[in-house]
C-alpha atoms as a PDB file:
ATOM      1  CA  UNK A   1     162.358  73.970 110.620  1.00  0.00           C
ATOM      2  CA  UNK A   2     159.975  71.584 108.951  1.00  0.00           C
ATOM      3  CA  UNK A   3     156.830  73.106 107.628  1.00  0.00           C
ATOM      4  CA  UNK A   4     153.760  71.977 109.422  1.00  0.00           C
ATOM      5  CA  UNK A   5     151.357  70.399 106.953  1.00  0.00           C
ATOM      6  CA  UNK A   6     147.818  69.507 107.950  1.00  0.00           C
ATOM      7  CA  UNK A   7     145.760  67.596 105.430  1.00  0.00           C
ATOM      8  CA  UNK A   8     142.234  68.719 104.621  1.00  0.00           C
ATOM      9  CA  UNK A   9     140.563  65.686 106.304  1.00  0.00           C
ATOM     10  CA  UNK A  10     142.544  66.297 109.523  1.00  0.00           C
ATOM     11  CA  UNK A  11     141.695  69.982 109.385  1.00  0.00           C
ATOM     12  CA  UNK A  12     138.012  69.121 109.285  1.00  0.00           C
ATOM     13  CA  UNK A  13     138.403  67.171 112.539  1.00  0.00           C
ATOM     14  CA  UNK A  14     139.482  70.305 114.366  1.00  0.00           C
ATOM     15  CA  UNK A  15     136.760  72.485 112.922  1.00  0.00           C
ATOM     16  CA  UNK A  16     133.537  73.021 114.804  1.00  0.00           C
ATOM     17  CA  UNK A  17     130.274  71.793 113.314  1.00  0.00           C
ATOM     18  CA  UNK A  18     129.189  75.386 112.756  1.00  0.00           C
ATOM     19  CA  UNK A  19     132.395  76.214 110.906  1.00  0.00           C
ATOM     20  CA  UNK A  20     132.138  73.088 108.791  1.00  0.00           C
ATOM     21  CA  UNK A  21     128.539  73.861 107.944  1.00  0.00           C
ATOM     22  CA  UNK A  22     129.527  77.346 106.823  1.00  0.00           C
ATOM     23  CA  UNK A  23     132.367  75.975 104.655  1.00  0.00           C
ATOM     24  CA  UNK A  24     129.981  73.574 102.943  1.00  0.00           C
ATOM     25  CA  UNK A  25     127.404  76.315 102.516  1.00  0.00           C
ATOM     26  CA  UNK A  26     129.934  78.746 101.042  1.00  0.00           C
ATOM     27  CA  UNK A  27     131.263  76.049  98.742  1.00  0.00           C
ATOM     28  CA  UNK A  28     127.790  75.277  97.467  1.00  0.00           C
ATOM     29  CA  UNK A  29     126.946  78.962  97.051  1.00  0.00           C
ATOM     30  CA  UNK A  30     129.961  79.435  94.782  1.00  0.00           C
ATOM     31  CA  UNK A  31     129.031  76.612  92.437  1.00  0.00           C
ATOM     32  CA  UNK A  32     127.413  77.417  89.092  1.00  0.00           C
ATOM     33  CA  UNK A  33     123.638  77.332  89.116  1.00  0.00           C
ATOM     34  CA  UNK A  34     122.092  74.246  87.624  1.00  0.00           C
ATOM     35  CA  UNK A  35     119.124  74.422  85.321  1.00  0.00           C
ATOM     36  CA  UNK A  36     117.039  72.731  87.978  1.00  0.00           C
ATOM     37  CA  UNK A  37     117.971  75.381  90.550  1.00  0.00           C
ATOM     38  CA  UNK A  38     117.162  78.216  88.180  1.00  0.00           C
ATOM     39  CA  UNK A  39     113.721  76.877  87.356  1.00  0.00           C
ATOM     40  CA  UNK A  40     112.964  75.938  90.963  1.00  0.00           C
ATOM     41  CA  UNK A  41     114.079  79.355  92.180  1.00  0.00           C
ATOM     42  CA  UNK A  42     112.038  81.226  89.619  1.00  0.00           C
ATOM     43  CA  UNK A  43     108.955  79.150  90.291  1.00  0.00           C
ATOM     44  CA  UNK A  44     109.369  79.741  94.005  1.00  0.00           C
ATOM     45  CA  UNK A  45     109.731  83.481  93.448  1.00  0.00           C
ATOM     46  CA  UNK A  46     106.684  83.590  91.209  1.00  0.00           C
ATOM     47  CA  UNK A  47     104.551  81.598  93.622  1.00  0.00           C
ATOM     48  CA  UNK A  48     105.536  83.885  96.507  1.00  0.00           C
ATOM     49  CA  UNK A  49     105.054  87.052  94.467  1.00  0.00           C
ATOM     50  CA  UNK A  50     101.778  86.037  92.864  1.00  0.00           C
ATOM     51  CA  UNK A  51     100.320  84.826  96.138  1.00  0.00           C
ATOM     52  CA  UNK A  52     101.313  88.051  97.884  1.00  0.00           C
ATOM     53  CA  UNK A  53      99.894  90.256  95.112  1.00  0.00           C
ATOM     54  CA  UNK A  54      96.591  88.353  95.022  1.00  0.00           C
ATOM     55  CA  UNK A  55      96.208  88.340  98.805  1.00  0.00           C
ATOM     56  CA  UNK A  56      96.959  92.059  99.027  1.00  0.00           C
ATOM     57  CA  UNK A  57      94.241  92.919  96.509  1.00  0.00           C
ATOM     58  CA  UNK A  58      91.776  90.391  97.919  1.00  0.00           C
ATOM     59  CA  UNK A  59      91.693  92.161 101.282  1.00  0.00           C
ATOM     60  CA  UNK A  60      88.923  94.628 102.024  1.00  0.00           C
ATOM     61  CA  UNK A  61      89.974  97.890 100.340  1.00  0.00           C
ATOM     62  CA  UNK A  62      92.762  96.055  98.508  1.00  0.00           C
ATOM     63  CA  UNK A  63      91.638  97.830  95.346  1.00  0.00           C
ATOM     64  CA  UNK A  64      89.342 100.494  96.732  1.00  0.00           C
ATOM     65  CA  UNK A  65      91.780 101.837  99.320  1.00  0.00           C
ATOM     66  CA  UNK A  66      94.849 101.962  97.069  1.00  0.00           C
ATOM     67  CA  UNK A  67      94.928 104.921  94.683  1.00  0.00           C
ATOM     68  CA  UNK A  68      97.463 103.139  92.461  1.00  0.00           C
ATOM     69  CA  UNK A  69      95.014 100.370  91.584  1.00  0.00           C
ATOM     70  CA  UNK A  70      91.588 101.755  92.516  1.00  0.00           C
ATOM     71  CA  UNK A  71      89.181 101.163  89.638  1.00  0.00           C
ATOM     72  CA  UNK A  72      87.379 104.259  88.423  1.00  0.00           C
ATOM     73  CA  UNK A  73      84.859 104.897  85.671  1.00  0.00           C
ATOM     74  CA  UNK A  74      86.259 105.745  82.238  1.00  0.00           C
ATOM     75  CA  UNK A  75      86.792 109.434  81.397  1.00  0.00           C
ATOM     76  CA  UNK A  76      83.774 109.333  79.079  1.00  0.00           C
ATOM     77  CA  UNK A  77      81.572 108.791  82.146  1.00  0.00           C
ATOM     78  CA  UNK A  78      82.359 112.273  83.442  1.00  0.00           C
ATOM     79  CA  UNK A  79      78.962 113.511  82.266  1.00  0.00           C
ATOM     80  CA  UNK A  80      77.228 110.913  84.438  1.00  0.00           C
ATOM     81  CA  UNK A  81      79.253 111.694  87.526  1.00  0.00           C
ATOM     82  CA  UNK A  82      78.986 115.472  87.023  1.00  0.00           C
ATOM     83  CA  UNK A  83      75.221 115.341  86.742  1.00  0.00           C
ATOM     84  CA  UNK A  84      74.745 112.978  89.663  1.00  0.00           C
ATOM     85  CA  UNK A  85      76.917 115.160  91.884  1.00  0.00           C
ATOM     86  CA  UNK A  86      74.486 118.027  91.387  1.00  0.00           C
ATOM     87  CA  UNK A  87      71.607 116.226  93.074  1.00  0.00           C
ATOM     88  CA  UNK A  88      71.289 115.504  96.827  1.00  0.00           C
ATOM     89  CA  UNK A  89      73.155 112.321  97.624  1.00  0.00           C
ATOM     90  CA  UNK A  90      74.550 112.154  94.095  1.00  0.00           C
ATOM     91  CA  UNK A  91      78.211 112.081  95.073  1.00  0.00           C
ATOM     92  CA  UNK A  92      77.557 109.252  97.509  1.00  0.00           C
ATOM     93  CA  UNK A  93      75.737 107.365  94.761  1.00  0.00           C
ATOM     94  CA  UNK A  94      78.771 107.626  92.468  1.00  0.00           C
ATOM     95  CA  UNK A  95      81.099 106.521  95.219  1.00  0.00           C
ATOM     96  CA  UNK A  96      78.816 103.595  96.019  1.00  0.00           C
ATOM     97  CA  UNK A  97      79.101 102.495  92.383  1.00  0.00           C
ATOM     98  CA  UNK A  98      82.895 102.659  92.570  1.00  0.00           C
ATOM     99  CA  UNK A  99      82.887 100.814  95.879  1.00  0.00           C
ATOM    100  CA  UNK A 100      80.812  97.950  94.436  1.00  0.00           C
ATOM    101  CA  UNK A 101      83.050  97.688  91.369  1.00  0.00           C
ATOM    102  CA  UNK A 102      86.192  97.574  93.485  1.00  0.00           C
ATOM    103  CA  UNK A 103      84.649  95.076  95.892  1.00  0.00           C
ATOM    104  CA  UNK A 104      83.887  92.829  92.915  1.00  0.00           C
ATOM    105  CA  UNK A 105      87.548  93.025  91.881  1.00  0.00           C
ATOM    106  CA  UNK A 106      88.667  92.243  95.426  1.00  0.00           C
ATOM    107  CA  UNK A 107      86.413  89.205  95.380  1.00  0.00           C
ATOM    108  CA  UNK A 108      87.880  88.025  92.069  1.00  0.00           C
ATOM    109  CA  UNK A 109      91.449  88.464  93.340  1.00  0.00           C
ATOM    110  CA  UNK A 110      90.797  85.731  95.925  1.00  0.00           C
ATOM    111  CA  UNK A 111      90.644  83.231  93.074  1.00  0.00           C
ATOM    112  CA  UNK A 112      93.640  84.474  91.085  1.00  0.00           C
ATOM    113  CA  UNK A 113      96.399  82.535  92.865  1.00  0.00           C
ATOM    114  CA  UNK A 114      95.491  79.067  91.482  1.00  0.00           C
ATOM    115  CA  UNK A 115      95.492  80.469  87.939  1.00  0.00           C
ATOM    116  CA  UNK A 116      98.980  81.838  88.472  1.00  0.00           C
ATOM    117  CA  UNK A 117     100.120  78.567  90.069  1.00  0.00           C
ATOM    118  CA  UNK A 118      99.039  76.545  87.026  1.00  0.00           C
ATOM    119  CA  UNK A 119     100.975  78.800  84.653  1.00  0.00           C
ATOM    120  CA  UNK A 120     104.047  78.698  86.890  1.00  0.00           C
ATOM    121  CA  UNK A 121     104.038  74.894  86.931  1.00  0.00           C
ATOM    122  CA  UNK A 122     104.230  74.874  83.132  1.00  0.00           C
ATOM    123  CA  UNK A 123     107.320  77.081  82.882  1.00  0.00           C
ATOM    124  CA  UNK A 124     110.045  75.654  80.637  1.00  0.00           C
ATOM    125  CA  UNK A 125     113.824  75.857  81.057  1.00  0.00           C
ATOM    126  CA  UNK A 126     113.991  78.315  78.165  1.00  0.00           C
ATOM    127  CA  UNK A 127     111.324  80.495  79.820  1.00  0.00           C
ATOM    128  CA  UNK A 128     113.246  80.379  83.095  1.00  0.00           C
ATOM    129  CA  UNK A 129     116.589  81.626  81.797  1.00  0.00           C
ATOM    130  CA  UNK A 130     114.898  84.299  79.704  1.00  0.00           C
ATOM    131  CA  UNK A 131     113.098  85.556  82.828  1.00  0.00           C
ATOM    132  CA  UNK A 132     116.191  85.300  85.033  1.00  0.00           C
ATOM    133  CA  UNK A 133     118.221  87.521  82.711  1.00  0.00           C
ATOM    134  CA  UNK A 134     115.343  89.780  81.720  1.00  0.00           C
ATOM    135  CA  UNK A 135     113.998  93.099  82.938  1.00  0.00           C
ATOM    136  CA  UNK A 136     112.760  93.614  86.492  1.00  0.00           C
ATOM    137  CA  UNK A 137     109.235  92.701  85.359  1.00  0.00           C
ATOM    138  CA  UNK A 138     110.130  89.840  82.995  1.00  0.00           C
ATOM    139  CA  UNK A 139     108.371  87.245  85.151  1.00  0.00           C
ATOM    140  CA  UNK A 140     105.299  89.454  85.441  1.00  0.00           C
ATOM    141  CA  UNK A 141     105.158  89.844  81.667  1.00  0.00           C
ATOM    142  CA  UNK A 142     105.467  86.066  81.306  1.00  0.00           C
ATOM    143  CA  UNK A 143     102.549  85.488  83.681  1.00  0.00           C
ATOM    144  CA  UNK A 144     100.504  88.201  82.020  1.00  0.00           C
ATOM    145  CA  UNK A 145     100.914  86.463  78.677  1.00  0.00           C
ATOM    146  CA  UNK A 146     100.126  83.025  80.128  1.00  0.00           C
ATOM    147  CA  UNK A 147      97.192  83.914  82.393  1.00  0.00           C
ATOM    148  CA  UNK A 148      95.500  87.054  81.085  1.00  0.00           C
ATOM    149  CA  UNK A 149      92.616  85.388  79.248  1.00  0.00           C
ATOM    150  CA  UNK A 150      91.769  83.083  82.148  1.00  0.00           C
ATOM    151  CA  UNK A 151      91.979  85.925  84.665  1.00  0.00           C
ATOM    152  CA  UNK A 152      89.796  88.057  82.403  1.00  0.00           C
ATOM    153  CA  UNK A 153      87.159  85.331  82.395  1.00  0.00           C
ATOM    154  CA  UNK A 154      87.383  85.216  86.201  1.00  0.00           C
ATOM    155  CA  UNK A 155      87.072  88.962  86.768  1.00  0.00           C
ATOM    156  CA  UNK A 156      84.608  90.035  84.091  1.00  0.00           C
ATOM    157  CA  UNK A 157      81.452  88.260  85.360  1.00  0.00           C
ATOM    158  CA  UNK A 158      81.968  89.722  88.827  1.00  0.00           C
ATOM    159  CA  UNK A 159      82.512  93.236  87.457  1.00  0.00           C
ATOM    160  CA  UNK A 160      79.557  92.850  85.097  1.00  0.00           C
ATOM    161  CA  UNK A 161      77.238  91.795  87.919  1.00  0.00           C
ATOM    162  CA  UNK A 162      78.332  94.838  89.885  1.00  0.00           C
ATOM    163  CA  UNK A 163      77.609  97.426  87.181  1.00  0.00           C
ATOM    164  CA  UNK A 164      74.251  95.796  86.416  1.00  0.00           C
ATOM    165  CA  UNK A 165      72.916  96.280  89.953  1.00  0.00           C
ATOM    166  CA  UNK A 166      70.133  98.816  90.054  1.00  0.00           C
ATOM    167  CA  UNK A 167      70.740 102.300  91.442  1.00  0.00           C
ATOM    168  CA  UNK A 168      68.276 104.959  92.535  1.00  0.00           C
ATOM    169  CA  UNK A 169      65.557 105.318  89.953  1.00  0.00           C
ATOM    170  CA  UNK A 170      65.885 101.640  89.124  1.00  0.00           C
ATOM    171  CA  UNK A 171      68.704 102.377  86.667  1.00  0.00           C
ATOM    172  CA  UNK A 172      71.980 100.485  86.721  1.00  0.00           C
ATOM    173  CA  UNK A 173      75.444 101.888  86.027  1.00  0.00           C
ATOM    174  CA  UNK A 174      75.540  99.831  82.827  1.00  0.00           C
ATOM    175  CA  UNK A 175      72.217 101.253  81.636  1.00  0.00           C
ATOM    176  CA  UNK A 176      73.281 104.806  82.425  1.00  0.00           C
ATOM    177  CA  UNK A 177      76.516 104.224  80.525  1.00  0.00           C
ATOM    178  CA  UNK A 178      74.635 102.855  77.526  1.00  0.00           C
ATOM    179  CA  UNK A 179      72.353 105.897  77.483  1.00  0.00           C
ATOM    180  CA  UNK A 180      75.258 108.284  77.750  1.00  0.00           C
ATOM    181  CA  UNK A 181      77.324 106.710  74.970  1.00  0.00           C
ATOM    182  CA  UNK A 182      74.309 106.334  72.645  1.00  0.00           C
ATOM    183  CA  UNK A 183      73.504 110.023  72.976  1.00  0.00           C
ATOM    184  CA  UNK A 184      77.138 111.007  72.541  1.00  0.00           C
ATOM    185  CA  UNK A 185      77.575 108.825  69.471  1.00  0.00           C
ATOM    186  CA  UNK A 186      74.530 110.349  67.782  1.00  0.00           C
ATOM    187  CA  UNK A 187      76.143 113.755  68.178  1.00  0.00           C
ATOM    188  CA  UNK A 188      79.603 112.534  67.144  1.00  0.00           C
ATOM    189  CA  UNK A 189      78.237 110.895  64.006  1.00  0.00           C
ATOM    190  CA  UNK A 190      76.154 113.904  62.986  1.00  0.00           C
ATOM    191  CA  UNK A 191      77.354 116.444  60.421  1.00  0.00           C
ATOM    192  CA  UNK A 192      78.258 118.918  63.159  1.00  0.00           C
ATOM    193  CA  UNK A 193      80.059 116.230  65.141  1.00  0.00           C
ATOM    194  CA  UNK A 194      82.095 115.172  62.122  1.00  0.00           C
ATOM    195  CA  UNK A 195      83.022 118.797  61.393  1.00  0.00           C
ATOM    196  CA  UNK A 196      84.224 119.079  65.002  1.00  0.00           C
ATOM    197  CA  UNK A 197      86.206 115.806  64.708  1.00  0.00           C
ATOM    198  CA  UNK A 198      84.268 114.214  67.531  1.00  0.00           C
ATOM    199  CA  UNK A 199      84.984 110.499  67.973  1.00  0.00           C
ATOM    200  CA  UNK A 200      82.380 107.878  68.788  1.00  0.00           C
ATOM    201  CA  UNK A 201      82.729 105.928  72.028  1.00  0.00           C
ATOM    202  CA  UNK A 202      82.716 102.195  71.307  1.00  0.00           C
ATOM    203  CA  UNK A 203      83.589 100.851  74.729  1.00  0.00           C
ATOM    204  CA  UNK A 204      81.916  98.186  76.820  1.00  0.00           C
ATOM    205  CA  UNK A 205      81.901  99.380  80.408  1.00  0.00           C
ATOM    206  CA  UNK A 206      82.445  95.983  82.012  1.00  0.00           C
ATOM    207  CA  UNK A 207      85.294  95.274  79.573  1.00  0.00           C
ATOM    208  CA  UNK A 208      87.016  98.562  80.447  1.00  0.00           C
ATOM    209  CA  UNK A 209      86.631  97.996  84.183  1.00  0.00           C
ATOM    210  CA  UNK A 210      87.867  94.401  83.950  1.00  0.00           C
ATOM    211  CA  UNK A 211      90.971  95.515  82.077  1.00  0.00           C
ATOM    212  CA  UNK A 212      91.650  98.170  84.725  1.00  0.00           C
ATOM    213  CA  UNK A 213      91.270  95.571  87.475  1.00  0.00           C
ATOM    214  CA  UNK A 214      93.804  93.287  85.779  1.00  0.00           C
ATOM    215  CA  UNK A 215      96.182  96.194  85.242  1.00  0.00           C
ATOM    216  CA  UNK A 216      96.123  96.655  89.011  1.00  0.00           C
ATOM    217  CA  UNK A 217      96.768  92.980  89.650  1.00  0.00           C
ATOM    218  CA  UNK A 218      99.810  92.862  87.380  1.00  0.00           C
ATOM    219  CA  UNK A 219     101.099  96.153  88.779  1.00  0.00           C
ATOM    220  CA  UNK A 220     101.141  94.585  92.239  1.00  0.00           C
ATOM    221  CA  UNK A 221     102.811  91.458  90.870  1.00  0.00           C
ATOM    222  CA  UNK A 222     105.490  93.555  89.141  1.00  0.00           C
ATOM    223  CA  UNK A 223     106.207  95.323  92.426  1.00  0.00           C
ATOM    224  CA  UNK A 224     106.605  91.976  94.196  1.00  0.00           C
ATOM    225  CA  UNK A 225     108.958  90.720  91.471  1.00  0.00           C
ATOM    226  CA  UNK A 226     111.089  93.865  91.596  1.00  0.00           C
ATOM    227  CA  UNK A 227     111.451  93.502  95.360  1.00  0.00           C
ATOM    228  CA  UNK A 228     112.760  89.950  95.042  1.00  0.00           C
ATOM    229  CA  UNK A 229     115.146  90.937  92.267  1.00  0.00           C
ATOM    230  CA  UNK A 230     116.565  94.057  93.911  1.00  0.00           C
ATOM    231  CA  UNK A 231     116.075  93.661  97.662  1.00  0.00           C
ATOM    232  CA  UNK A 232     118.064  90.867  99.308  1.00  0.00           C
ATOM    233  CA  UNK A 233     115.789  90.976 102.368  1.00  0.00           C
ATOM    234  CA  UNK A 234     112.821  90.029 100.190  1.00  0.00           C
ATOM    235  CA  UNK A 235     114.500  86.727  99.268  1.00  0.00           C
ATOM    236  CA  UNK A 236     113.063  84.706 102.081  1.00  0.00           C
ATOM    237  CA  UNK A 237     114.540  81.300 101.172  1.00  0.00           C
ATOM    238  CA  UNK A 238     118.079  80.028 100.512  1.00  0.00           C
ATOM    239  CA  UNK A 239     117.118  79.102  96.965  1.00  0.00           C
ATOM    240  CA  UNK A 240     115.861  82.604  96.186  1.00  0.00           C
ATOM    241  CA  UNK A 241     119.033  84.131  97.621  1.00  0.00           C
ATOM    242  CA  UNK A 242     121.158  81.800  95.500  1.00  0.00           C
ATOM    243  CA  UNK A 243     119.286  82.230  92.219  1.00  0.00           C
ATOM    244  CA  UNK A 244     118.661  85.957  92.374  1.00  0.00           C
ATOM    245  CA  UNK A 245     121.946  86.676  94.100  1.00  0.00           C
ATOM    246  CA  UNK A 246     123.681  85.222  91.056  1.00  0.00           C
ATOM    247  CA  UNK A 247     122.004  87.703  88.725  1.00  0.00           C
ATOM    248  CA  UNK A 248     123.213  90.626  90.830  1.00  0.00           C
ATOM    249  CA  UNK A 249     126.758  89.362  90.605  1.00  0.00           C
ATOM    250  CA  UNK A 250     126.720  89.196  86.824  1.00  0.00           C
END
């Protein structure tokens, strides 16, 4: 009996459109990634992740309602909070300070996405492959390096304005902090303080709070990146599935 031979073009005639589409799709999915696809996929992932992280923190209670990123006063401020909590309404006053600081960070987060977008647009091919084959937070670390200074300049004025608002007694959080650290440093620098190995506190409050706010922003971004890298359902486009699917197969 003669073997029945059907050429590939004839076979395509008998295939449904859906089947043909799947063949083409599977064929394309099995092809090596091009440099263009890698960079496009990474940029797409970063845009999605950065936008999601910024929007999450920009919502009301984005910082304040999330214990992982909520901004609190530095440990050296414990004396302030302890003393205020002893007076009527003192605990509420402290919490109001924290609320204002976190609201300032939430306000700043609304403007973070364009800063991320600019850095993403400048990514090189070398950057892309290093990120693709890097740790689960490689893209986050790249953006942190590229955007930190600009984000710091965005956040700090808003945080600074918050801590400089007057509290009860016409004293601001910044002024109370300055008084506390000045008194502490006098003790730490005294003979007794040096014998006790006390260390001076040389910390700007608004600087500390700004750094904590940015730590929260990049923590959220790292979580978004990890999801895209490790969770197939988080890859919401064909390009993301192709680029990040390839890394899982390696």
